């Protein structure tokens, strides 16, 4: 069973950086796509970033382009979300997700993903 465990959230001031981690286990991930979503209180879960484990294509939500970067460590089976120049509107619970059909698509919708982590809270103060 695939498991995803996020870490690295916290409370920071506007303009700071954070690097979230998502440790993946229980699968062979070469054909998967991985993504980060976020959900603020009272709002829908929002797409943040995604890429395929085997390829170089990366996609970002409009609100984070140029500030957030999704990367991976093959040896550690870990996906990262480097977040720079954080803003108060970035405050949310951040979720890691995996899609077993990553060899044929990079999903941008919540419904595209099969596995989810428990989330990690990011709070940005002004």
PDB file of N, CA and C in Angstrom:
ATOM      1  N   UNK A   1       0.839  -1.185   0.000  1.00  0.00           N
ATOM      2  CA  UNK A   1       0.000   0.000   0.000  1.00  0.00           C
ATOM      3  C   UNK A   1       0.882   1.246   0.000  1.00  0.00           C
ATOM      4  N   UNK A   2       0.577   2.134  -0.932  1.00  0.00           N
ATOM      5  CA  UNK A   2       1.358   3.366  -1.022  1.00  0.00           C
ATOM      6  C   UNK A   2       1.034   4.262   0.164  1.00  0.00           C
ATOM      7  N   UNK A   3       2.078   4.796   0.768  1.00  0.00           N
ATOM      8  CA  UNK A   3       1.913   5.757   1.850  1.00  0.00           C
ATOM      9  C   UNK A   3       2.723   7.006   1.554  1.00  0.00           C
ATOM     10  N   UNK A   4       2.133   8.149   1.872  1.00  0.00           N
ATOM     11  CA  UNK A   4       2.782   9.440   1.686  1.00  0.00           C
ATOM     12  C   UNK A   4       2.782  10.168   3.022  1.00  0.00           C
ATOM     13  N   UNK A   5       3.941  10.643   3.428  1.00  0.00           N
ATOM     14  CA  UNK A   5       4.053  11.332   4.711  1.00  0.00           C
ATOM     15  C   UNK A   5       4.725  12.682   4.501  1.00  0.00           C
ATOM     16  N   UNK A   6       3.955  13.739   4.760  1.00  0.00           N
ATOM     17  CA  UNK A   6       4.488  15.093   4.595  1.00  0.00           C
ATOM     18  C   UNK A   6       5.140  15.582   5.881  1.00  0.00           C
ATOM     19  N   UNK A   7       6.064  16.510   5.718  1.00  0.00           N
ATOM     20  CA  UNK A   7       6.689  17.186   6.854  1.00  0.00           C
ATOM     21  C   UNK A   7       7.254  18.509   6.380  1.00  0.00           C
ATOM     22  N   UNK A   8       7.654  19.358   7.340  1.00  0.00           N
ATOM     23  CA  UNK A   8       8.326  20.593   6.995  1.00  0.00           C
ATOM     24  C   UNK A   8       7.491  21.855   7.121  1.00  0.00           C
ATOM     25  N   UNK A   9       6.205  21.709   7.452  1.00  0.00           N
ATOM     26  CA  UNK A   9       5.383  22.892   7.624  1.00  0.00           C
ATOM     27  C   UNK A   9       5.760  23.664   8.878  1.00  0.00           C
ATOM     28  N   UNK A  10       5.146  24.832   9.024  1.00  0.00           N
ATOM     29  CA  UNK A  10       5.416  25.631  10.200  1.00  0.00           C
ATOM     30  C   UNK A  10       4.859  27.030  10.084  1.00  0.00           C
ATOM     31  N   UNK A  11       5.219  27.863  11.050  1.00  0.00           N
ATOM     32  CA  UNK A  11       4.806  29.267  11.091  1.00  0.00           C
ATOM     33  C   UNK A  11       5.996  30.133  10.714  1.00  0.00           C
ATOM     34  N   UNK A  12       5.822  30.949   9.664  1.00  0.00           N
ATOM     35  CA  UNK A  12       6.893  31.824   9.206  1.00  0.00           C
ATOM     36  C   UNK A  12       6.322  33.205   8.906  1.00  0.00           C
ATOM     37  N   UNK A  13       7.218  34.167   8.759  1.00  0.00           N
ATOM     38  CA  UNK A  13       6.801  35.503   8.385  1.00  0.00           C
ATOM     39  C   UNK A  13       6.792  35.643   6.868  1.00  0.00           C
ATOM     40  N   UNK A  14       6.021  36.601   6.393  1.00  0.00           N
ATOM     41  CA  UNK A  14       5.969  36.876   4.959  1.00  0.00           C
ATOM     42  C   UNK A  14       7.378  37.143   4.434  1.00  0.00           C
ATOM     43  N   UNK A  15       7.661  36.575   3.258  1.00  0.00           N
ATOM     44  CA  UNK A  15       8.971  36.723   2.642  1.00  0.00           C
ATOM     45  C   UNK A  15       9.929  35.582   2.939  1.00  0.00           C
ATOM     46  N   UNK A  16       9.586  34.755   3.897  1.00  0.00           N
ATOM     47  CA  UNK A  16      10.451  33.632   4.268  1.00  0.00           C
ATOM     48  C   UNK A  16      10.283  32.468   3.295  1.00  0.00           C
ATOM     49  N   UNK A  17      11.098  31.425   3.506  1.00  0.00           N
ATOM     50  CA  UNK A  17      11.048  30.223   2.688  1.00  0.00           C
ATOM     51  C   UNK A  17      10.806  29.004   3.574  1.00  0.00           C
ATOM     52  N   UNK A  18      10.200  27.988   2.995  1.00  0.00           N
ATOM     53  CA  UNK A  18      10.029  26.681   3.619  1.00  0.00           C
ATOM     54  C   UNK A  18      10.238  25.621   2.571  1.00  0.00           C
ATOM     55  N   UNK A  19      10.712  24.448   3.013  1.00  0.00           N
ATOM     56  CA  UNK A  19      10.865  23.321   2.105  1.00  0.00           C
ATOM     57  C   UNK A  19      10.080  22.144   2.670  1.00  0.00           C
ATOM     58  N   UNK A  20       8.968  21.813   2.025  1.00  0.00           N
ATOM     59  CA  UNK A  20       8.145  20.686   2.448  1.00  0.00           C
ATOM     60  C   UNK A  20       8.685  19.392   1.852  1.00  0.00           C
ATOM     61  N   UNK A  21       8.537  18.310   2.604  1.00  0.00           N
ATOM     62  CA  UNK A  21       8.961  16.994   2.142  1.00  0.00           C
ATOM     63  C   UNK A  21       7.772  16.042   2.116  1.00  0.00           C
ATOM     64  N   UNK A  22       7.817  15.107   1.194  1.00  0.00           N
ATOM     65  CA  UNK A  22       6.808  14.059   1.088  1.00  0.00           C
ATOM     66  C   UNK A  22       7.542  12.739   0.878  1.00  0.00           C
ATOM     67  N   UNK A  23       7.597  11.921   1.919  1.00  0.00           N
ATOM     68  CA  UNK A  23       8.265  10.622   1.833  1.00  0.00           C
ATOM     69  C   UNK A  23       7.272   9.578   1.338  1.00  0.00           C
ATOM     70  N   UNK A  24       7.608   8.942   0.211  1.00  0.00           N
ATOM     71  CA  UNK A  24       6.724   7.950  -0.401  1.00  0.00           C
ATOM     72  C   UNK A  24       7.261   6.544  -0.143  1.00  0.00           C
ATOM     73  N   UNK A  25       6.368   5.604   0.135  1.00  0.00           N
ATOM     74  CA  UNK A  25       6.757   4.213   0.351  1.00  0.00           C
ATOM     75  C   UNK A  25       5.652   3.296  -0.130  1.00  0.00           C
ATOM     76  N   UNK A  26       6.006   2.008  -0.291  1.00  0.00           N
ATOM     77  CA  UNK A  26       5.011   1.012  -0.630  1.00  0.00           C
ATOM     78  C   UNK A  26       4.710   0.862  -2.102  1.00  0.00           C
ATOM     79  N   UNK A  27       5.527   1.440  -2.971  1.00  0.00           N
ATOM     80  CA  UNK A  27       5.266   1.316  -4.393  1.00  0.00           C
ATOM     81  C   UNK A  27       6.523   1.515  -5.217  1.00  0.00           C
ATOM     82  N   UNK A  28       6.383   1.278  -6.508  1.00  0.00           N
ATOM     83  CA  UNK A  28       7.449   1.566  -7.470  1.00  0.00           C
ATOM     84  C   UNK A  28       7.000   2.795  -8.252  1.00  0.00           C
ATOM     85  N   UNK A  29       7.705   3.880  -8.090  1.00  0.00           N
ATOM     86  CA  UNK A  29       7.147   5.175  -8.468  1.00  0.00           C
ATOM     87  C   UNK A  29       7.574   5.699  -9.833  1.00  0.00           C
ATOM     88  N   UNK A  30       8.282   4.893 -10.597  1.00  0.00           N
ATOM     89  CA  UNK A  30       8.796   5.385 -11.871  1.00  0.00           C
ATOM     90  C   UNK A  30       7.685   5.783 -12.837  1.00  0.00           C
ATOM     91  N   UNK A  31       6.484   5.245 -12.674  1.00  0.00           N
ATOM     92  CA  UNK A  31       5.374   5.584 -13.572  1.00  0.00           C
ATOM     93  C   UNK A  31       4.332   6.491 -12.926  1.00  0.00           C
ATOM     94  N   UNK A  32       4.631   7.002 -11.768  1.00  0.00           N
ATOM     95  CA  UNK A  32       3.678   7.841 -11.050  1.00  0.00           C
ATOM     96  C   UNK A  32       3.889   9.312 -11.378  1.00  0.00           C
ATOM     97  N   UNK A  33       2.827  10.080 -11.172  1.00  0.00           N
ATOM     98  CA  UNK A  33       2.935  11.527 -11.075  1.00  0.00           C
ATOM     99  C   UNK A  33       2.710  11.904  -9.613  1.00  0.00           C
ATOM    100  N   UNK A  34       3.404  12.945  -9.192  1.00  0.00           N
ATOM    101  CA  UNK A  34       3.261  13.455  -7.836  1.00  0.00           C
ATOM    102  C   UNK A  34       2.861  14.917  -7.884  1.00  0.00           C
ATOM    103  N   UNK A  35       2.109  15.319  -6.888  1.00  0.00           N
ATOM    104  CA  UNK A  35       1.624  16.691  -6.856  1.00  0.00           C
ATOM    105  C   UNK A  35       1.539  17.195  -5.423  1.00  0.00           C
ATOM    106  N   UNK A  36       1.499  18.485  -5.316  1.00  0.00           N
ATOM    107  CA  UNK A  36       1.167  19.176  -4.070  1.00  0.00           C
ATOM    108  C   UNK A  36      -0.119  19.969  -4.299  1.00  0.00           C
ATOM    109  N   UNK A  37      -1.022  19.830  -3.355  1.00  0.00           N
ATOM    110  CA  UNK A  37      -2.235  20.627  -3.305  1.00  0.00           C
ATOM    111  C   UNK A  37      -2.238  21.352  -1.967  1.00  0.00           C
ATOM    112  N   UNK A  38      -3.113  22.331  -1.849  1.00  0.00           N
ATOM    113  CA  UNK A  38      -3.270  23.011  -0.564  1.00  0.00           C
ATOM    114  C   UNK A  38      -4.733  23.364  -0.349  1.00  0.00           C
ATOM    115  N   UNK A  39      -5.083  23.476   0.918  1.00  0.00           N
ATOM    116  CA  UNK A  39      -6.464  23.798   1.261  1.00  0.00           C
ATOM    117  C   UNK A  39      -6.486  24.741   2.449  1.00  0.00           C
ATOM    118  N   UNK A  40      -7.028  25.914   2.206  1.00  0.00           N
ATOM    119  CA  UNK A  40      -7.215  26.903   3.260  1.00  0.00           C
ATOM    120  C   UNK A  40      -8.599  26.706   3.878  1.00  0.00           C
ATOM    121  N   UNK A  41      -8.810  27.166   5.110  1.00  0.00           N
ATOM    122  CA  UNK A  41     -10.109  26.974   5.761  1.00  0.00           C
ATOM    123  C   UNK A  41     -11.260  27.529   4.934  1.00  0.00           C
ATOM    124  N   UNK A  42     -12.274  26.728   4.740  1.00  0.00           N
ATOM    125  CA  UNK A  42     -13.451  27.163   4.016  1.00  0.00           C
ATOM    126  C   UNK A  42     -13.299  27.221   2.510  1.00  0.00           C
ATOM    127  N   UNK A  43     -12.166  26.756   2.004  1.00  0.00           N
ATOM    128  CA  UNK A  43     -11.932  26.819   0.564  1.00  0.00           C
ATOM    129  C   UNK A  43     -11.721  25.425  -0.023  1.00  0.00           C
ATOM    130  N   UNK A  44     -11.837  25.361  -1.355  1.00  0.00           N
ATOM    131  CA  UNK A  44     -11.596  24.104  -2.054  1.00  0.00           C
ATOM    132  C   UNK A  44     -10.095  23.774  -2.055  1.00  0.00           C
ATOM    133  N   UNK A  45      -9.797  22.483  -2.215  1.00  0.00           N
ATOM    134  CA  UNK A  45      -8.401  22.076  -2.323  1.00  0.00           C
ATOM    135  C   UNK A  45      -7.864  22.562  -3.670  1.00  0.00           C
ATOM    136  N   UNK A  46      -6.734  23.228  -3.626  1.00  0.00           N
ATOM    137  CA  UNK A  46      -6.187  23.925  -4.788  1.00  0.00           C
ATOM    138  C   UNK A  46      -4.909  23.256  -5.284  1.00  0.00           C
ATOM    139  N   UNK A  47      -4.785  23.106  -6.585  1.00  0.00           N
ATOM    140  CA  UNK A  47      -3.570  22.559  -7.187  1.00  0.00           C
ATOM    141  C   UNK A  47      -2.414  23.545  -7.010  1.00  0.00           C
ATOM    142  N   UNK A  48      -1.252  23.032  -6.606  1.00  0.00           N
ATOM    143  CA  UNK A  48      -0.074  23.861  -6.422  1.00  0.00           C
ATOM    144  C   UNK A  48       1.013  23.528  -7.443  1.00  0.00           C
ATOM    145  N   UNK A  49       1.388  22.242  -7.521  1.00  0.00           N
ATOM    146  CA  UNK A  49       2.482  21.847  -8.418  1.00  0.00           C
ATOM    147  C   UNK A  49       2.413  20.349  -8.654  1.00  0.00           C
ATOM    148  N   UNK A  50       2.957  19.918  -9.810  1.00  0.00           N
ATOM    149  CA  UNK A  50       2.969  18.488 -10.132  1.00  0.00           C
ATOM    150  C   UNK A  50       4.080  18.168 -11.106  1.00  0.00           C
ATOM    151  N   UNK A  51       4.522  16.912 -11.080  1.00  0.00           N
ATOM    152  CA  UNK A  51       5.486  16.434 -12.074  1.00  0.00           C
ATOM    153  C   UNK A  51       5.401  14.909 -12.116  1.00  0.00           C
ATOM    154  N   UNK A  52       5.987  14.332 -13.164  1.00  0.00           N
ATOM    155  CA  UNK A  52       6.090  12.879 -13.243  1.00  0.00           C
ATOM    156  C   UNK A  52       7.448  12.444 -12.730  1.00  0.00           C
ATOM    157  N   UNK A  53       7.482  11.310 -12.062  1.00  0.00           N
ATOM    158  CA  UNK A  53       8.704  10.828 -11.461  1.00  0.00           C
ATOM    159  C   UNK A  53       9.784  10.597 -12.508  1.00  0.00           C
ATOM    160  N   UNK A  54       9.372  10.108 -13.678  1.00  0.00           N
ATOM    161  CA  UNK A  54      10.346   9.726 -14.694  1.00  0.00           C
ATOM    162  C   UNK A  54      10.688  10.837 -15.668  1.00  0.00           C
ATOM    163  N   UNK A  55       9.838  11.850 -15.774  1.00  0.00           N
ATOM    164  CA  UNK A  55      10.056  12.870 -16.779  1.00  0.00           C
ATOM    165  C   UNK A  55      10.457  14.206 -16.203  1.00  0.00           C
ATOM    166  N   UNK A  56      10.650  15.189 -17.075  1.00  0.00           N
ATOM    167  CA  UNK A  56      11.091  16.492 -16.625  1.00  0.00           C
ATOM    168  C   UNK A  56      10.008  17.542 -16.592  1.00  0.00           C
ATOM    169  N   UNK A  57       8.784  17.187 -17.029  1.00  0.00           N
ATOM    170  CA  UNK A  57       7.731  18.199 -17.084  1.00  0.00           C
ATOM    171  C   UNK A  57       7.217  18.528 -15.690  1.00  0.00           C
ATOM    172  N   UNK A  58       7.083  19.811 -15.464  1.00  0.00           N
ATOM    173  CA  UNK A  58       6.544  20.291 -14.207  1.00  0.00           C
ATOM    174  C   UNK A  58       5.458  21.318 -14.480  1.00  0.00           C
ATOM    175  N   UNK A  59       4.446  21.319 -13.654  1.00  0.00           N
ATOM    176  CA  UNK A  59       3.356  22.268 -13.790  1.00  0.00           C
ATOM    177  C   UNK A  59       3.122  22.949 -12.446  1.00  0.00           C
ATOM    178  N   UNK A  60       2.746  24.210 -12.527  1.00  0.00           N
ATOM    179  CA  UNK A  60       2.528  25.007 -11.314  1.00  0.00           C
ATOM    180  C   UNK A  60       1.222  25.782 -11.419  1.00  0.00           C
ATOM    181  N   UNK A  61       0.588  25.961 -10.268  1.00  0.00           N
ATOM    182  CA  UNK A  61      -0.564  26.832 -10.225  1.00  0.00           C
ATOM    183  C   UNK A  61      -0.148  28.277 -10.456  1.00  0.00           C
ATOM    184  N   UNK A  62      -1.043  29.075 -10.998  1.00  0.00           N
ATOM    185  CA  UNK A  62      -0.706  30.453 -11.351  1.00  0.00           C
ATOM    186  C   UNK A  62      -0.255  31.261 -10.142  1.00  0.00           C
ATOM    187  N   UNK A  63      -0.824  30.979  -8.990  1.00  0.00           N
ATOM    188  CA  UNK A  63      -0.524  31.796  -7.812  1.00  0.00           C
ATOM    189  C   UNK A  63       0.861  31.513  -7.222  1.00  0.00           C
ATOM    190  N   UNK A  64       1.518  30.436  -7.659  1.00  0.00           N
ATOM    191  CA  UNK A  64       2.810  30.088  -7.075  1.00  0.00           C
ATOM    192  C   UNK A  64       3.943  30.075  -8.104  1.00  0.00           C
ATOM    193  N   UNK A  65       3.628  30.285  -9.358  1.00  0.00           N
ATOM    194  CA  UNK A  65       4.658  30.258 -10.398  1.00  0.00           C
ATOM    195  C   UNK A  65       5.775  31.247 -10.094  1.00  0.00           C
ATOM    196  N   UNK A  66       7.000  30.753 -10.216  1.00  0.00           N
ATOM    197  CA  UNK A  66       8.158  31.593  -9.973  1.00  0.00           C
ATOM    198  C   UNK A  66       8.567  31.674  -8.518  1.00  0.00           C
ATOM    199  N   UNK A  67       7.732  31.171  -7.606  1.00  0.00           N
ATOM    200  CA  UNK A  67       8.059  31.185  -6.172  1.00  0.00           C
ATOM    201  C   UNK A  67       8.228  29.782  -5.602  1.00  0.00           C
ATOM    202  N   UNK A  68       7.458  28.823  -6.107  1.00  0.00           N
ATOM    203  CA  UNK A  68       7.478  27.451  -5.602  1.00  0.00           C
ATOM    204  C   UNK A  68       8.110  26.543  -6.655  1.00  0.00           C
ATOM    205  N   UNK A  69       8.802  25.505  -6.158  1.00  0.00           N
ATOM    206  CA  UNK A  69       9.463  24.577  -7.074  1.00  0.00           C
ATOM    207  C   UNK A  69       9.324  23.157  -6.536  1.00  0.00           C
ATOM    208  N   UNK A  70       8.911  22.233  -7.402  1.00  0.00           N
ATOM    209  CA  UNK A  70       8.732  20.835  -7.012  1.00  0.00           C
ATOM    210  C   UNK A  70       9.927  20.036  -7.517  1.00  0.00           C
ATOM    211  N   UNK A  71      10.523  19.251  -6.630  1.00  0.00           N
ATOM    212  CA  UNK A  71      11.688  18.450  -6.990  1.00  0.00           C
ATOM    213  C   UNK A  71      11.580  17.079  -6.338  1.00  0.00           C
ATOM    214  N   UNK A  72      12.557  16.201  -6.616  1.00  0.00           N
ATOM    215  CA  UNK A  72      12.520  14.874  -6.021  1.00  0.00           C
ATOM    216  C   UNK A  72      13.930  14.391  -5.717  1.00  0.00           C
ATOM    217  N   UNK A  73      13.995  13.425  -4.817  1.00  0.00           N
ATOM    218  CA  UNK A  73      15.242  12.717  -4.524  1.00  0.00           C
ATOM    219  C   UNK A  73      14.967  11.248  -4.800  1.00  0.00           C
ATOM    220  N   UNK A  74      15.541  10.727  -5.878  1.00  0.00           N
ATOM    221  CA  UNK A  74      15.263   9.342  -6.290  1.00  0.00           C
ATOM    222  C   UNK A  74      15.660   8.331  -5.219  1.00  0.00           C
ATOM    223  N   UNK A  75      16.772   8.561  -4.579  1.00  0.00           N
ATOM    224  CA  UNK A  75      17.284   7.577  -3.627  1.00  0.00           C
ATOM    225  C   UNK A  75      16.445   7.525  -2.366  1.00  0.00           C
ATOM    226  N   UNK A  76      15.870   8.655  -2.008  1.00  0.00           N
ATOM    227  CA  UNK A  76      15.064   8.709  -0.795  1.00  0.00           C
ATOM    228  C   UNK A  76      13.574   8.546  -1.065  1.00  0.00           C
ATOM    229  N   UNK A  77      13.197   8.406  -2.340  1.00  0.00           N
ATOM    230  CA  UNK A  77      11.764   8.356  -2.694  1.00  0.00           C
ATOM    231  C   UNK A  77      11.008   9.509  -2.034  1.00  0.00           C
ATOM    232  N   UNK A  78      11.563  10.678  -2.168  1.00  0.00           N
ATOM    233  CA  UNK A  78      10.995  11.843  -1.510  1.00  0.00           C
ATOM    234  C   UNK A  78      10.764  12.961  -2.521  1.00  0.00           C
ATOM    235  N   UNK A  79       9.624  13.596  -2.397  1.00  0.00           N
ATOM    236  CA  UNK A  79       9.251  14.742  -3.216  1.00  0.00           C
ATOM    237  C   UNK A  79       9.293  15.981  -2.325  1.00  0.00           C
ATOM    238  N   UNK A  80       9.786  17.057  -2.880  1.00  0.00           N
ATOM    239  CA  UNK A  80       9.918  18.296  -2.117  1.00  0.00           C
ATOM    240  C   UNK A  80       9.118  19.423  -2.769  1.00  0.00           C
ATOM    241  N   UNK A  81       8.724  20.364  -1.947  1.00  0.00           N
ATOM    242  CA  UNK A  81       8.140  21.606  -2.451  1.00  0.00           C
ATOM    243  C   UNK A  81       8.901  22.754  -1.799  1.00  0.00           C
ATOM    244  N   UNK A  82       9.777  23.363  -2.575  1.00  0.00           N
ATOM    245  CA  UNK A  82      10.517  24.527  -2.092  1.00  0.00           C
ATOM    246  C   UNK A  82       9.639  25.758  -2.293  1.00  0.00           C
ATOM    247  N   UNK A  83       9.362  26.441  -1.205  1.00  0.00           N
ATOM    248  CA  UNK A  83       8.464  27.600  -1.245  1.00  0.00           C
ATOM    249  C   UNK A  83       9.251  28.839  -0.842  1.00  0.00           C
ATOM    250  N   UNK A  84       9.345  29.791  -1.756  1.00  0.00           N
ATOM    251  CA  UNK A  84      10.096  31.021  -1.525  1.00  0.00           C
ATOM    252  C   UNK A  84       9.158  32.220  -1.509  1.00  0.00           C
ATOM    253  N   UNK A  85       9.618  33.291  -0.890  1.00  0.00           N
ATOM    254  CA  UNK A  85       8.845  34.540  -0.839  1.00  0.00           C
ATOM    255  C   UNK A  85       7.394  34.273  -0.438  1.00  0.00           C
ATOM    256  N   UNK A  86       7.232  33.594   0.683  1.00  0.00           N
ATOM    257  CA  UNK A  86       5.890  33.211   1.118  1.00  0.00           C
ATOM    258  C   UNK A  86       5.039  34.429   1.447  1.00  0.00           C
ATOM    259  N   UNK A  87       3.757  34.297   1.177  1.00  0.00           N
ATOM    260  CA  UNK A  87       2.783  35.363   1.405  1.00  0.00           C
ATOM    261  C   UNK A  87       1.699  34.864   2.355  1.00  0.00           C
ATOM    262  N   UNK A  88       1.018  35.762   3.048  1.00  0.00           N
ATOM    263  CA  UNK A  88      -0.059  35.316   3.948  1.00  0.00           C
ATOM    264  C   UNK A  88      -1.108  34.475   3.239  1.00  0.00           C
ATOM    265  N   UNK A  89      -1.361  34.758   1.969  1.00  0.00           N
ATOM    266  CA  UNK A  89      -2.360  33.981   1.222  1.00  0.00           C
ATOM    267  C   UNK A  89      -1.887  32.567   0.892  1.00  0.00           C
ATOM    268  N   UNK A  90      -0.645  32.238   1.195  1.00  0.00           N
ATOM    269  CA  UNK A  90      -0.146  30.868   1.036  1.00  0.00           C
ATOM    270  C   UNK A  90      -0.503  29.997   2.245  1.00  0.00           C
ATOM    271  N   UNK A  91      -1.062  30.596   3.281  1.00  0.00           N
ATOM    272  CA  UNK A  91      -1.448  29.852   4.477  1.00  0.00           C
ATOM    273  C   UNK A  91      -2.494  28.794   4.136  1.00  0.00           C
ATOM    274  N   UNK A  92      -2.181  27.541   4.479  1.00  0.00           N
ATOM    275  CA  UNK A  92      -3.069  26.419   4.152  1.00  0.00           C
ATOM    276  C   UNK A  92      -2.458  25.135   4.704  1.00  0.00           C
ATOM    277  N   UNK A  93      -3.242  24.077   4.642  1.00  0.00           N
ATOM    278  CA  UNK A  93      -2.701  22.730   4.834  1.00  0.00           C
ATOM    279  C   UNK A  93      -2.237  22.238   3.470  1.00  0.00           C
ATOM    280  N   UNK A  94      -1.013  21.787   3.411  1.00  0.00           N
ATOM    281  CA  UNK A  94      -0.424  21.320   2.160  1.00  0.00           C
ATOM    282  C   UNK A  94      -0.417  19.794   2.132  1.00  0.00           C
ATOM    283  N   UNK A  95      -0.909  19.259   1.019  1.00  0.00           N
ATOM    284  CA  UNK A  95      -1.034  17.810   0.857  1.00  0.00           C
ATOM    285  C   UNK A  95      -0.184  17.325  -0.307  1.00  0.00           C
ATOM    286  N   UNK A  96       0.446  16.191  -0.111  1.00  0.00           N
ATOM    287  CA  UNK A  96       1.148  15.488  -1.168  1.00  0.00           C
ATOM    288  C   UNK A  96       0.211  14.431  -1.735  1.00  0.00           C
ATOM    289  N   UNK A  97       0.276  14.214  -3.051  1.00  0.00           N
ATOM    290  CA  UNK A  97      -0.607  13.247  -3.693  1.00  0.00           C
ATOM    291  C   UNK A  97       0.144  12.492  -4.783  1.00  0.00           C
ATOM    292  N   UNK A  98      -0.290  11.268  -5.049  1.00  0.00           N
ATOM    293  CA  UNK A  98       0.334  10.436  -6.078  1.00  0.00           C
ATOM    294  C   UNK A  98      -0.725   9.860  -7.007  1.00  0.00           C
ATOM    295  N   UNK A  99      -0.390   9.814  -8.280  1.00  0.00           N
ATOM    296  CA  UNK A  99      -1.291   9.324  -9.339  1.00  0.00           C
ATOM    297  C   UNK A  99      -0.603   8.149 -10.024  1.00  0.00           C
ATOM    298  N   UNK A 100      -1.246   6.979 -10.022  1.00  0.00           N
ATOM    299  CA  UNK A 100      -0.620   5.805 -10.628  1.00  0.00           C
ATOM    300  C   UNK A 100      -0.566   5.885 -12.149  1.00  0.00           C
ATOM    301  N   UNK A 101      -1.281   6.842 -12.749  1.00  0.00           N
ATOM    302  CA  UNK A 101      -1.287   6.990 -14.204  1.00  0.00           C
ATOM    303  C   UNK A 101      -0.328   8.082 -14.667  1.00  0.00           C
ATOM    304  N   UNK A 102       0.729   8.288 -13.900  1.00  0.00           N
ATOM    305  CA  UNK A 102       1.675   9.342 -14.225  1.00  0.00           C
ATOM    306  C   UNK A 102       2.415   9.143 -15.525  1.00  0.00           C
ATOM    307  N   UNK A 103       2.411   7.918 -16.068  1.00  0.00           N
ATOM    308  CA  UNK A 103       3.088   7.678 -17.341  1.00  0.00           C
ATOM    309  C   UNK A 103       2.301   8.226 -18.514  1.00  0.00           C
ATOM    310  N   UNK A 104       1.009   8.546 -18.315  1.00  0.00           N
ATOM    311  CA  UNK A 104       0.188   9.030 -19.426  1.00  0.00           C
ATOM    312  C   UNK A 104      -0.388  10.416 -19.197  1.00  0.00           C
ATOM    313  N   UNK A 105      -0.211  10.983 -18.003  1.00  0.00           N
ATOM    314  CA  UNK A 105      -0.780  12.316 -17.769  1.00  0.00           C
ATOM    315  C   UNK A 105      -0.114  12.944 -16.551  1.00  0.00           C
ATOM    316  N   UNK A 106      -0.247  14.239 -16.446  1.00  0.00           N
ATOM    317  CA  UNK A 106       0.027  14.954 -15.205  1.00  0.00           C
ATOM    318  C   UNK A 106      -1.286  15.611 -14.818  1.00  0.00           C
ATOM    319  N   UNK A 107      -1.933  15.061 -13.829  1.00  0.00           N
ATOM    320  CA  UNK A 107      -3.242  15.555 -13.429  1.00  0.00           C
ATOM    321  C   UNK A 107      -3.157  16.870 -12.686  1.00  0.00           C
ATOM    322  N   UNK A 108      -4.130  17.719 -12.929  1.00  0.00           N
ATOM    323  CA  UNK A 108      -4.219  18.999 -12.240  1.00  0.00           C
ATOM    324  C   UNK A 108      -5.421  19.048 -11.311  1.00  0.00           C
ATOM    325  N   UNK A 109      -6.192  17.963 -11.292  1.00  0.00           N
ATOM    326  CA  UNK A 109      -7.402  17.929 -10.492  1.00  0.00           C
ATOM    327  C   UNK A 109      -7.229  17.010  -9.305  1.00  0.00           C
ATOM    328  N   UNK A 110      -7.923  17.348  -8.232  1.00  0.00           N
ATOM    329  CA  UNK A 110      -7.888  16.495  -7.042  1.00  0.00           C
ATOM    330  C   UNK A 110      -8.299  15.072  -7.387  1.00  0.00           C
ATOM    331  N   UNK A 111      -9.280  14.918  -8.238  1.00  0.00           N
ATOM    332  CA  UNK A 111      -9.814  13.601  -8.584  1.00  0.00           C
ATOM    333  C   UNK A 111      -8.845  12.749  -9.401  1.00  0.00           C
ATOM    334  N   UNK A 112      -7.774  13.358  -9.905  1.00  0.00           N
ATOM    335  CA  UNK A 112      -6.788  12.608 -10.697  1.00  0.00           C
ATOM    336  C   UNK A 112      -5.880  11.759  -9.818  1.00  0.00           C
ATOM    337  N   UNK A 113      -5.857  12.018  -8.525  1.00  0.00           N
ATOM    338  CA  UNK A 113      -4.867  11.416  -7.646  1.00  0.00           C
ATOM    339  C   UNK A 113      -5.459  10.320  -6.777  1.00  0.00           C
ATOM    340  N   UNK A 114      -4.656   9.250  -6.621  1.00  0.00           N
ATOM    341  CA  UNK A 114      -5.119   8.043  -5.951  1.00  0.00           C
ATOM    342  C   UNK A 114      -4.713   7.980  -4.486  1.00  0.00           C
ATOM    343  N   UNK A 115      -3.594   8.573  -4.150  1.00  0.00           N
ATOM    344  CA  UNK A 115      -3.079   8.465  -2.792  1.00  0.00           C
ATOM    345  C   UNK A 115      -2.776   9.872  -2.255  1.00  0.00           C
ATOM    346  N   UNK A 116      -3.031  10.032  -0.959  1.00  0.00           N
ATOM    347  CA  UNK A 116      -2.852  11.327  -0.311  1.00  0.00           C
ATOM    348  C   UNK A 116      -2.141  11.169   1.013  1.00  0.00           C
ATOM    349  N   UNK A 117      -1.346  12.168   1.358  1.00  0.00           N
ATOM    350  CA  UNK A 117      -0.773  12.234   2.682  1.00  0.00           C
ATOM    351  C   UNK A 117      -1.742  12.893   3.651  1.00  0.00           C
ATOM    352  N   UNK A 118      -1.300  13.024   4.884  1.00  0.00           N
ATOM    353  CA  UNK A 118      -2.170  13.557   5.932  1.00  0.00           C
ATOM    354  C   UNK A 118      -2.160  15.077   5.983  1.00  0.00           C
ATOM    355  N   UNK A 119      -1.202  15.692   5.298  1.00  0.00           N
ATOM    356  CA  UNK A 119      -1.135  17.144   5.246  1.00  0.00           C
ATOM    357  C   UNK A 119      -0.189  17.732   6.276  1.00  0.00           C
ATOM    358  N   UNK A 120       0.343  18.901   5.957  1.00  0.00           N
ATOM    359  CA  UNK A 120       1.194  19.645   6.881  1.00  0.00           C
ATOM    360  C   UNK A 120       0.796  21.119   6.822  1.00  0.00           C
ATOM    361  N   UNK A 121       0.668  21.740   7.975  1.00  0.00           N
ATOM    362  CA  UNK A 121       0.167  23.109   8.069  1.00  0.00           C
ATOM    363  C   UNK A 121       1.285  24.106   7.783  1.00  0.00           C
ATOM    364  N   UNK A 122       0.971  25.053   6.918  1.00  0.00           N
ATOM    365  CA  UNK A 122       1.869  26.185   6.662  1.00  0.00           C
ATOM    366  C   UNK A 122       1.109  27.459   7.001  1.00  0.00           C
ATOM    367  N   UNK A 123       1.669  28.258   7.873  1.00  0.00           N
ATOM    368  CA  UNK A 123       1.050  29.517   8.267  1.00  0.00           C
ATOM    369  C   UNK A 123       2.043  30.648   8.038  1.00  0.00           C
ATOM    370  N   UNK A 124       1.604  31.645   7.279  1.00  0.00           N
ATOM    371  CA  UNK A 124       2.467  32.781   6.952  1.00  0.00           C
ATOM    372  C   UNK A 124       1.862  34.037   7.568  1.00  0.00           C
ATOM    373  N   UNK A 125       2.600  34.665   8.451  1.00  0.00           N
ATOM    374  CA  UNK A 125       2.114  35.877   9.101  1.00  0.00           C
ATOM    375  C   UNK A 125       2.609  37.115   8.349  1.00  0.00           C
ATOM    376  N   UNK A 126       1.808  38.169   8.432  1.00  0.00           N
ATOM    377  CA  UNK A 126       2.156  39.403   7.708  1.00  0.00           C
ATOM    378  C   UNK A 126       3.027  40.305   8.551  1.00  0.00           C
TER     379      UNK A 126
END
